[in-house]
Amino acid sequence: MNYFSSDFKLGILGGGQLGKMLLAETRKFDIQTYVLDLHADAPSRLGASKFVQGDLMDFETVYNFGKLVNLLTIEIENVNLDALEKLENEGLAVYPSSKSLKLIQNKSVQKKFYTDHNIPTSNFKNFKNYDDLLKAYNDGAVVLPFVWKSAQFGYDGNGVQIVRLITDLTKLPDVACIAEDLVAFKTELAVIVARNVSGEIRTYPVVEMEFHPDANQVEYVICPARIDDKIAEKAQEIALQVSHKFNHVGLLAVEMFLTQTDEILVNEVAPRPHNSGHHTIEASYTSQFENHLRAILDLPLGKTDNKVAGIMVNLVGAEGFSGPVIYQNIEKIMAINGVSTHIYGKKETRPFRKMGHVTIVHEDRTEARRIAEIVKNTIRVIC
């Protein structure tokens, strides 16, 4: 296939910040880009050759969009899988495939996949609705504390809650869900695996993630992770095992817990570019976004090593502010050497909404982390 022709059309389901950053990489190639998103003001709207407004979960919308392009990919998992399957059956290349997405889109199915394939993960139970969960609690089959996750449609910490008290339990929504053991862990890790159509695989260095204690949302991504080399090797091995079992094409971000006893448990995966890989734009030889494109186009994968240490700081809406966004003190952080800002283009802020990120690169990881703290304490996303 001639990928470097102006006639080649790449379709992206989802027009958020991931799509926006993916579009930036497509400019290296002579291809047209089509984006489908529900929101007319989606971050990707200005960067696409053609922007289509429509519901990603609607069969006809997704199917008709797919008929416009030569290859289809995603930047969000919540898409209509029946439409993707029909498009595949008609000969359209879709990466990741509908088969892979069926195993990942629903967290109950995803967790069962891990246990079925001997992939280490935390203990869990599936429930059809709130009443089933409450009955299990009353019968002693579920004990406090535990981690509650909505089976579908969770993102950026939404759809996840630590249930410590009975009052927490009574506030849960009536949806299909899973209850996981609350794991005592040292830190959370992630490995991004790139795999092209021909089966070539590369992994990015292990990253460490620091989370906001209340929002269950990543605040910092640190690369390389501050862990022992043997643990890093083990994390890479598990990520490759997961990649092999899913048999995906494109990127697969594998999130893991490092327990107090140095056991590694898989938390969940994302079959697309991921927040844990944003630092690769500045810190790596090949960004996660370029390697996703290389993978789905079946081109040789780029080198995934770090050039320097990289730390990513998420820019999220400050608590107490909802409205037209202002990036207070952004000019102050941009005056710091090694700091790069990425503004997603969302017009309205609200508490904990992802509005952008900042990457800090430095030869010394400790110094990069110190600068990251300054950045975090200087810039505010308000209105």
Protein backbone atom coordinates (compact mmCIF):
# COMPACT_ATOMS: atom_id res chain seq x y z
CA MET A 1 0.00 0.00 0.00
CA ASN A 2 1.24 3.51 -0.78
CA TYR A 3 1.08 5.23 2.60
CA PHE A 4 2.78 8.38 1.36
CA SER A 5 0.14 9.42 -1.11
CA SER A 6 -2.21 12.36 -0.70
CA ASP A 7 -5.02 9.97 -1.59
CA PHE A 8 -4.49 7.80 1.52
CA LYS A 9 -7.10 8.54 4.20
CA LEU A 10 -6.55 7.70 7.88
CA GLY A 11 -9.64 7.75 10.09
CA ILE A 12 -9.45 8.39 13.83
CA LEU A 13 -12.36 7.60 16.14
CA GLY A 14 -12.24 10.26 18.84
CA GLY A 15 -11.14 13.86 18.63
CA GLY A 16 -9.69 14.54 22.08
CA GLN A 17 -6.16 15.47 23.07
CA LEU A 18 -4.76 12.07 22.06
CA GLY A 19 -6.16 12.54 18.59
CA LYS A 20 -4.73 16.05 18.45
CA MET A 21 -1.23 14.82 19.27
CA LEU A 22 -1.58 11.90 16.86
CA LEU A 23 -2.56 14.32 14.11
CA ALA A 24 0.60 16.33 14.74
CA GLU A 25 2.66 13.24 13.85
CA THR A 26 0.69 12.59 10.65
CA ARG A 27 2.15 15.80 9.22
CA LYS A 28 5.37 13.87 8.69
CA PHE A 29 3.45 11.70 6.23
CA ASP A 30 1.59 12.75 3.09
CA ILE A 31 -1.80 11.43 4.17
CA GLN A 32 -5.27 12.83 4.73
CA THR A 33 -6.79 12.59 8.21
CA TYR A 34 -10.46 12.18 9.08
CA VAL A 35 -11.66 12.55 12.68
CA LEU A 36 -15.03 11.59 14.19
CA ASP A 37 -16.10 13.07 17.52
CA LEU A 38 -19.37 13.93 19.24
CA HIS A 39 -18.33 17.48 20.12
CA ALA A 40 -18.12 20.27 17.55
CA ASP A 41 -15.33 21.96 19.53
CA ALA A 42 -13.21 18.80 20.02
CA PRO A 43 -9.44 19.45 20.36
CA SER A 44 -8.72 17.61 17.08
CA ARG A 45 -11.14 19.62 14.97
CA LEU A 46 -8.56 22.10 13.63
CA GLY A 47 -5.81 19.59 12.86
CA ALA A 48 -7.80 17.14 10.74
CA SER A 49 -8.19 17.26 6.97
CA LYS A 50 -11.88 16.53 7.59
CA PHE A 51 -13.77 16.67 10.89
CA VAL A 52 -17.06 14.80 11.25
CA GLN A 53 -19.35 15.39 14.22
CA GLY A 54 -21.14 12.28 15.43
CA ASP A 55 -21.68 9.72 18.19
CA LEU A 56 -18.87 7.17 18.52
CA MET A 57 -21.29 4.64 20.02
CA ASP A 58 -23.82 4.88 17.17
CA PHE A 59 -23.59 2.03 14.65
CA GLU A 60 -24.57 3.96 11.52
CA THR A 61 -22.37 6.94 12.37
CA VAL A 62 -19.25 4.84 12.92
CA TYR A 63 -19.96 2.58 9.95
CA ASN A 64 -20.54 5.47 7.54
CA PHE A 65 -17.42 7.23 8.81
CA GLY A 66 -15.38 4.08 8.24
CA LYS A 67 -16.52 3.94 4.61
CA LEU A 68 -14.77 7.28 4.03
CA VAL A 69 -11.26 6.08 4.92
CA ASN A 70 -8.59 3.51 4.01
CA LEU A 71 -7.57 2.65 7.57
CA LEU A 72 -9.27 3.22 10.90
CA THR A 73 -7.78 3.67 14.38
CA ILE A 74 -8.96 4.96 17.75
CA GLU A 75 -7.96 7.39 20.45
CA ILE A 76 -10.68 6.18 22.84
CA GLU A 77 -12.02 2.68 23.53
CA ASN A 78 -15.69 3.60 23.83
CA VAL A 79 -16.73 3.08 20.22
CA ASN A 80 -19.34 0.94 18.48
CA LEU A 81 -17.74 -2.48 18.03
CA ASP A 82 -20.46 -3.92 15.80
CA ALA A 83 -19.74 -1.21 13.24
CA LEU A 84 -16.01 -1.95 13.40
CA GLU A 85 -16.62 -5.67 12.93
CA LYS A 86 -18.80 -5.05 9.88
CA LEU A 87 -16.16 -2.74 8.39
CA GLU A 88 -13.48 -5.39 8.97
CA ASN A 89 -15.64 -8.02 7.30
CA GLU A 90 -15.92 -5.71 4.30
CA GLY A 91 -12.13 -5.45 4.08
CA LEU A 92 -11.27 -2.26 5.98
CA ALA A 93 -8.12 -2.35 8.10
CA VAL A 94 -9.07 -1.47 11.70
CA TYR A 95 -6.38 -1.20 14.39
CA PRO A 96 -6.80 -2.13 17.14
CA SER A 97 -9.23 -4.75 15.89
CA SER A 98 -12.79 -5.15 17.12
CA LYS A 99 -11.69 -8.50 18.57
CA SER A 100 -9.03 -6.82 20.73
CA LEU A 101 -11.41 -4.06 21.78
CA LYS A 102 -14.07 -6.57 22.85
CA LEU A 103 -11.57 -7.94 25.37
CA ILE A 104 -10.60 -4.51 26.65
CA GLN A 105 -13.66 -2.26 26.43
CA ASN A 106 -15.44 -4.01 29.31
CA LYS A 107 -13.32 -4.19 32.47
CA SER A 108 -15.07 -7.34 33.66
CA VAL A 109 -14.13 -9.11 30.43
CA GLN A 110 -10.63 -7.66 30.59
CA LYS A 111 -10.00 -8.91 34.14
CA LYS A 112 -11.29 -12.38 33.28
CA PHE A 113 -8.93 -12.40 30.28
CA TYR A 114 -5.99 -11.92 32.64
CA THR A 115 -6.95 -14.81 34.89
CA ASP A 116 -7.72 -17.06 31.90
CA HIS A 117 -4.21 -16.44 30.53
CA ASN A 118 -2.27 -16.60 33.80
CA ILE A 119 -1.47 -12.90 33.77
CA PRO A 120 -0.92 -11.68 37.35
CA THR A 121 -3.70 -9.36 38.50
CA SER A 122 -5.54 -8.51 41.71
CA ASN A 123 -8.40 -10.69 42.95
CA PHE A 124 -11.82 -9.51 41.81
CA LYS A 125 -15.51 -10.34 41.49
CA ASN A 126 -17.93 -9.32 38.72
CA PHE A 127 -21.43 -7.97 39.41
CA LYS A 128 -24.32 -7.31 37.03
CA ASN A 129 -25.67 -4.37 39.02
CA TYR A 130 -25.68 -2.62 42.38
CA ASP A 131 -28.12 -5.08 43.98
CA ASP A 132 -25.82 -8.01 43.17
CA LEU A 133 -22.89 -6.18 44.74
CA LEU A 134 -24.89 -5.26 47.84
CA LYS A 135 -26.06 -8.85 48.27
CA ALA A 136 -22.46 -10.07 48.02
CA TYR A 137 -21.46 -7.56 50.67
CA ASN A 138 -24.30 -8.59 52.99
CA ASP A 139 -23.37 -12.26 52.47
CA GLY A 140 -19.73 -11.58 53.33
CA ALA A 141 -18.45 -12.35 49.82
CA VAL A 142 -17.16 -8.78 49.50
CA VAL A 143 -15.48 -7.05 52.42
CA LEU A 144 -14.39 -3.49 53.02
CA PRO A 145 -12.20 -1.89 51.85
CA PHE A 146 -12.25 -2.71 48.14
CA VAL A 147 -11.83 -0.97 44.80
CA TRP A 148 -15.04 -0.46 42.83
CA LYS A 149 -14.83 -0.06 39.05
CA SER A 150 -17.58 0.52 36.55
CA ALA A 151 -17.42 -2.25 33.95
CA GLN A 152 -17.69 0.26 31.11
CA PHE A 153 -17.18 3.92 30.20
CA GLY A 154 -14.62 4.81 32.85
CA TYR A 155 -11.81 7.25 32.05
CA ASP A 156 -9.27 9.53 33.80
CA GLY A 157 -10.19 8.19 37.22
CA ASN A 158 -13.93 8.39 36.59
CA GLY A 159 -15.68 5.09 37.22
CA VAL A 160 -13.18 4.11 39.92
CA GLN A 161 -13.70 4.48 43.66
CA ILE A 162 -12.12 3.09 46.80
CA VAL A 163 -14.95 1.87 49.02
CA ARG A 164 -13.79 2.11 52.62
CA LEU A 165 -17.05 2.64 54.50
CA ILE A 166 -20.64 1.43 54.19
CA THR A 167 -21.59 5.03 53.36
CA ASP A 168 -19.29 4.82 50.32
CA LEU A 169 -21.02 1.62 49.26
CA THR A 170 -24.49 3.17 49.42
CA LYS A 171 -23.44 5.98 47.05
CA LEU A 172 -22.33 3.71 44.20
CA PRO A 173 -24.30 3.86 40.92
CA ASP A 174 -26.47 1.00 39.69
CA VAL A 175 -24.25 -0.30 36.88
CA ALA A 176 -22.36 -3.46 36.00
CA CYS A 177 -19.13 -3.37 37.97
CA ILE A 178 -16.21 -5.21 39.49
CA ALA A 179 -14.99 -5.26 43.07
CA GLU A 180 -11.22 -5.69 43.35
CA ASP A 181 -9.02 -6.35 46.34
CA LEU A 182 -7.41 -3.14 47.58
CA VAL A 183 -3.76 -3.82 46.80
CA ALA A 184 -1.07 -2.51 49.13
CA PHE A 185 1.46 -1.22 46.61
CA LYS A 186 4.67 0.78 46.57
CA THR A 187 3.98 2.52 43.29
CA GLU A 188 2.13 2.24 40.00
CA LEU A 189 4.09 1.45 36.84
CA ALA A 190 3.34 1.40 33.13
CA VAL A 191 4.97 0.01 30.01
CA ILE A 192 3.90 0.97 26.50
CA VAL A 193 4.28 -1.76 23.89
CA ALA A 194 4.29 -0.96 20.17
CA ARG A 195 3.46 -3.78 17.74
CA ASN A 196 3.07 -3.42 13.99
CA VAL A 197 0.97 -5.50 11.60
CA SER A 198 3.93 -7.73 10.73
CA GLY A 199 4.54 -8.53 14.40
CA GLU A 200 7.59 -6.36 15.13
CA ILE A 201 7.51 -5.33 18.80
CA ARG A 202 9.27 -2.63 20.80
CA THR A 203 8.73 -1.54 24.40
CA TYR A 204 9.27 1.85 25.97
CA PRO A 205 11.15 2.13 29.28
CA VAL A 206 9.12 1.51 32.43
CA VAL A 207 7.52 4.66 33.85
CA GLU A 208 6.40 5.42 37.37
CA MET A 209 3.09 7.17 37.98
CA GLU A 210 2.19 9.37 40.94
CA PHE A 211 -1.53 9.85 41.49
CA HIS A 212 -3.69 12.54 43.03
CA PRO A 213 -4.94 11.06 46.33
CA ASP A 214 -8.57 12.13 45.84
CA ALA A 215 -9.18 12.25 42.08
CA ASN A 216 -7.49 8.88 41.32
CA GLN A 217 -5.81 10.69 38.45
CA VAL A 218 -2.17 10.74 37.35
CA GLU A 219 -0.30 13.86 38.48
CA TYR A 220 3.25 12.93 37.46
CA VAL A 221 4.76 10.39 35.08
CA ILE A 222 8.46 9.72 35.77
CA CYS A 223 10.74 8.09 33.21
CA PRO A 224 12.76 6.07 33.82
CA ALA A 225 10.93 4.72 36.86
CA ARG A 226 12.76 4.85 40.19
CA ILE A 227 12.90 1.08 40.59
CA ASP A 228 15.48 -1.70 40.64
CA ASP A 229 16.69 -2.95 37.25
CA LYS A 230 15.40 -6.46 37.96
CA ILE A 231 11.93 -5.11 38.68
CA ALA A 232 12.04 -3.06 35.49
CA GLU A 233 12.96 -6.19 33.51
CA LYS A 234 10.10 -8.09 35.12
CA ALA A 235 7.64 -5.31 34.26
CA GLN A 236 8.82 -5.35 30.65
CA GLU A 237 8.42 -9.14 30.50
CA ILE A 238 4.86 -8.98 31.84
CA ALA A 239 3.96 -6.19 29.40
CA LEU A 240 5.24 -8.32 26.52
CA GLN A 241 3.24 -11.29 27.81
CA VAL A 242 0.09 -9.16 27.86
CA SER A 243 0.84 -7.81 24.38
CA HIS A 244 1.31 -11.33 23.04
CA LYS A 245 -1.99 -12.56 24.50
CA PHE A 246 -4.01 -9.62 23.16
CA ASN A 247 -2.28 -9.91 19.77
CA HIS A 248 -2.92 -6.19 19.24
CA VAL A 249 -1.71 -3.85 16.50
CA GLY A 250 -0.67 -0.34 17.49
CA LEU A 251 0.13 0.67 21.03
CA LEU A 252 -0.81 -1.13 24.22
CA ALA A 253 -0.26 0.71 27.49
CA VAL A 254 -0.01 -1.79 30.35
CA GLU A 255 -0.63 -0.32 33.81
CA MET A 256 0.72 -2.29 36.77
CA PHE A 257 0.99 -2.25 40.56
CA LEU A 258 4.32 -2.90 42.27
CA THR A 259 3.27 -4.45 45.58
CA GLN A 260 5.01 -4.14 48.93
CA THR A 261 6.52 -7.59 48.31
CA ASP A 262 7.79 -6.59 44.84
CA GLU A 263 5.13 -8.59 43.04
CA ILE A 264 3.86 -7.02 39.81
CA LEU A 265 0.11 -7.13 39.13
CA VAL A 266 -1.53 -5.91 35.94
CA ASN A 267 -4.16 -3.28 36.66
CA GLU A 268 -5.56 -2.53 33.21
CA VAL A 269 -4.56 -1.79 29.62
CA ALA A 270 -5.31 0.82 26.97
CA PRO A 271 -4.94 -0.11 23.26
CA ARG A 272 -3.93 3.36 22.09
CA PRO A 273 -1.62 6.28 22.89
CA HIS A 274 -1.73 6.88 26.63
CA ASN A 275 -1.17 9.53 29.27
CA SER A 276 1.79 7.53 30.57
CA GLY A 277 3.59 8.09 27.26
CA HIS A 278 3.21 11.83 26.69
CA HIS A 279 6.79 12.48 27.81
CA THR A 280 8.03 10.50 24.80
CA ILE A 281 7.37 13.49 22.53
CA GLU A 282 10.37 15.29 24.00
CA ALA A 283 12.28 12.59 25.90
CA SER A 284 12.37 9.62 23.49
CA TYR A 285 13.91 8.97 20.10
CA THR A 286 10.45 8.13 18.75
CA SER A 287 7.27 9.42 20.36
CA GLN A 288 4.43 7.05 21.22
CA PHE A 289 2.28 8.84 18.64
CA GLU A 290 4.75 8.30 15.80
CA ASN A 291 5.17 4.65 16.73
CA HIS A 292 1.40 4.16 16.81
CA LEU A 293 1.26 5.45 13.24
CA ARG A 294 4.22 3.33 12.19
CA ALA A 295 2.57 0.27 13.74
CA ILE A 296 -0.86 0.61 12.13
CA LEU A 297 0.74 1.48 8.77
CA ASP A 298 2.97 -1.62 9.12
CA LEU A 299 6.16 0.42 8.90
CA PRO A 300 9.37 -0.35 10.84
CA LEU A 301 9.02 0.78 14.44
CA GLY A 302 11.18 3.61 15.73
CA LYS A 303 13.72 3.45 18.55
CA THR A 304 11.99 3.67 21.94
CA ASP A 305 14.96 4.49 24.18
CA ASN A 306 15.11 7.70 26.17
CA LYS A 307 17.36 10.52 24.99
CA VAL A 308 17.08 12.12 28.44
CA ALA A 309 15.03 11.65 31.59
CA GLY A 310 11.48 12.92 31.16
CA ILE A 311 8.76 13.85 33.62
CA MET A 312 5.21 14.68 32.63
CA VAL A 313 2.94 16.89 34.75
CA ASN A 314 -0.77 16.77 34.01
CA LEU A 315 -2.49 20.15 33.83
CA VAL A 316 -5.98 19.70 35.23
CA GLY A 317 -8.70 22.12 36.19
CA ALA A 318 -8.28 23.54 39.67
CA GLU A 319 -10.92 22.74 42.26
CA GLY A 320 -13.59 25.42 42.56
CA PHE A 321 -13.32 26.65 38.96
CA SER A 322 -15.71 25.89 36.10
CA GLY A 323 -15.87 28.07 33.00
CA PRO A 324 -13.76 29.59 30.19
CA VAL A 325 -10.19 28.47 30.84
CA ILE A 326 -7.23 30.63 31.90
CA TYR A 327 -3.71 29.18 32.20
CA GLN A 328 -2.41 31.30 35.05
CA ASN A 329 1.41 31.74 35.18
CA ILE A 330 2.04 29.70 32.04
CA GLU A 331 4.66 32.22 30.91
CA LYS A 332 6.60 31.62 34.14
CA ILE A 333 6.99 27.89 33.58
CA MET A 334 7.85 28.40 29.91
CA ALA A 335 10.85 30.46 31.04
CA ILE A 336 12.37 27.34 32.67
CA ASN A 337 14.91 25.43 30.58
CA GLY A 338 13.78 21.96 29.53
CA VAL A 339 10.07 22.70 29.97
CA SER A 340 7.59 22.10 27.12
CA THR A 341 3.89 22.89 27.38
CA HIS A 342 1.05 21.15 25.57
CA ILE A 343 -2.35 22.86 25.68
CA TYR A 344 -5.18 20.65 24.50
CA GLY A 345 -7.55 23.34 23.26
CA LYS A 346 -10.52 22.64 25.51
CA LYS A 347 -12.41 25.89 25.98
CA GLU A 348 -14.04 25.11 29.33
CA THR A 349 -12.32 24.03 32.53
CA ARG A 350 -13.82 22.15 35.46
CA PRO A 351 -12.27 20.48 38.51
CA PHE A 352 -9.75 17.76 37.54
CA ARG A 353 -10.52 17.98 33.81
CA LYS A 354 -7.37 17.28 31.76
CA MET A 355 -6.57 20.54 30.00
CA GLY A 356 -2.96 19.99 29.00
CA HIS A 357 0.37 18.66 30.17
CA VAL A 358 3.92 19.85 30.72
CA THR A 359 7.03 17.80 30.02
CA ILE A 360 10.34 18.41 31.77
CA VAL A 361 13.49 16.92 30.27
CA HIS A 362 16.88 16.85 31.98
CA GLU A 363 20.00 14.69 32.05
CA ASP A 364 19.34 14.11 35.75
CA ARG A 365 16.03 12.52 36.75
CA THR A 366 16.14 13.91 40.30
CA GLU A 367 16.58 17.44 38.99
CA ALA A 368 13.76 16.91 36.49
CA ARG A 369 11.48 15.83 39.34
CA ARG A 370 12.44 18.94 41.32
CA ILE A 371 11.56 21.17 38.38
CA ALA A 372 8.30 19.28 37.90
CA GLU A 373 7.30 20.19 41.45
CA ILE A 374 7.99 23.86 40.70
CA VAL A 375 5.88 23.62 37.55
CA LYS A 376 3.02 21.96 39.42
CA ASN A 377 3.02 24.64 42.10
CA THR A 378 3.31 27.55 39.66
CA ILE A 379 0.77 27.05 36.89
CA ARG A 380 -2.97 26.97 37.68
CA VAL A 381 -5.83 26.10 35.38
CA ILE A 382 -8.65 28.42 36.40
CA CYS A 383 -11.31 30.63 34.86
